[in-house]
Amino acid sequence: MTQVQVAASLGVGQAHISKIERQSDMLLSTLAAYLTALGVDASLIVEVGEETWTYDLTAGSGAR
């Protein structure tokens, strides 16, 4: 997808997508919205010692 297509999906301008892509870090909510716009299913897995948690970043978003 082009930046223009992703921007249209998110309802923002292309410059905003360019800024997101240049960031060295971002909020998980920003990452989730970006991945959803790309049509990606994504999960975050956190392991601490013997415990594992999985957080579905794109849950309920209609991602493919």
Protein backbone atom coordinates (compact mmCIF):
# COMPACT_ATOMS: atom_id res chain seq x y z
CA MET A 1 0.00 0.00 0.00
CA THR A 2 1.10 3.54 -0.60
CA GLN A 3 1.25 6.15 2.13
CA VAL A 4 -1.71 7.88 0.46
CA GLN A 5 -3.79 4.68 0.65
CA VAL A 6 -2.91 4.09 4.31
CA ALA A 7 -3.67 7.74 5.09
CA ALA A 8 -7.08 7.48 3.44
CA SER A 9 -7.85 4.33 5.45
CA LEU A 10 -6.93 6.13 8.69
CA GLY A 11 -8.57 9.42 7.74
CA VAL A 12 -5.34 11.42 7.98
CA GLY A 13 -3.02 13.11 5.51
CA GLN A 14 -0.10 11.43 3.76
CA ALA A 15 2.36 13.60 5.71
CA HIS A 16 1.06 12.07 8.96
CA ILE A 17 1.81 8.56 7.66
CA SER A 18 5.29 9.64 6.62
CA LYS A 19 5.88 10.97 10.14
CA ILE A 20 4.65 7.69 11.69
CA GLU A 21 6.98 5.67 9.48
CA ARG A 22 10.00 7.80 10.48
CA GLN A 23 9.37 7.52 14.24
CA SER A 24 11.82 5.48 16.27
CA ASP A 25 9.05 4.66 18.76
CA MET A 26 5.27 4.98 18.91
CA LEU A 27 2.25 4.23 21.05
CA LEU A 28 0.79 0.74 20.72
CA SER A 29 -2.52 2.33 19.73
CA THR A 30 -0.79 4.08 16.81
CA LEU A 31 0.87 0.83 15.74
CA ALA A 32 -2.45 -1.03 16.00
CA ALA A 33 -4.26 1.57 13.87
CA TYR A 34 -1.48 1.50 11.26
CA LEU A 35 -1.49 -2.31 11.08
CA THR A 36 -5.29 -2.37 10.88
CA ALA A 37 -5.14 0.08 7.96
CA LEU A 38 -2.76 -2.34 6.24
CA GLY A 39 -5.21 -5.21 6.81
CA VAL A 40 -2.79 -7.07 9.07
CA ASP A 41 -3.60 -9.36 12.02
CA ALA A 42 -1.06 -8.69 14.77
CA SER A 43 -0.47 -9.75 18.36
CA LEU A 44 1.96 -8.62 21.01
CA ILE A 45 3.40 -11.40 23.15
CA VAL A 46 4.91 -10.49 26.53
CA GLU A 47 6.90 -13.08 28.48
CA VAL A 48 7.94 -12.38 32.08
CA GLY A 49 9.56 -15.34 33.76
CA GLU A 50 7.17 -18.27 33.41
CA GLU A 51 4.19 -16.05 32.56
CA THR A 52 3.09 -15.24 29.01
CA TRP A 53 0.47 -12.70 27.98
CA THR A 54 -0.84 -12.19 24.46
CA TYR A 55 -2.48 -8.94 23.43
CA ASP A 56 -4.27 -8.85 20.08
CA LEU A 57 -3.37 -5.48 18.60
CA THR A 58 -5.97 -5.68 15.83
CA ALA A 59 -8.83 -7.42 17.67
CA GLY A 60 -12.27 -6.34 16.57
CA SER A 61 -10.85 -4.18 13.82
CA GLY A 62 -11.99 -6.32 10.93
CA ALA A 63 -8.40 -6.95 9.90
CA ARG A 64 -7.91 -9.72 7.40
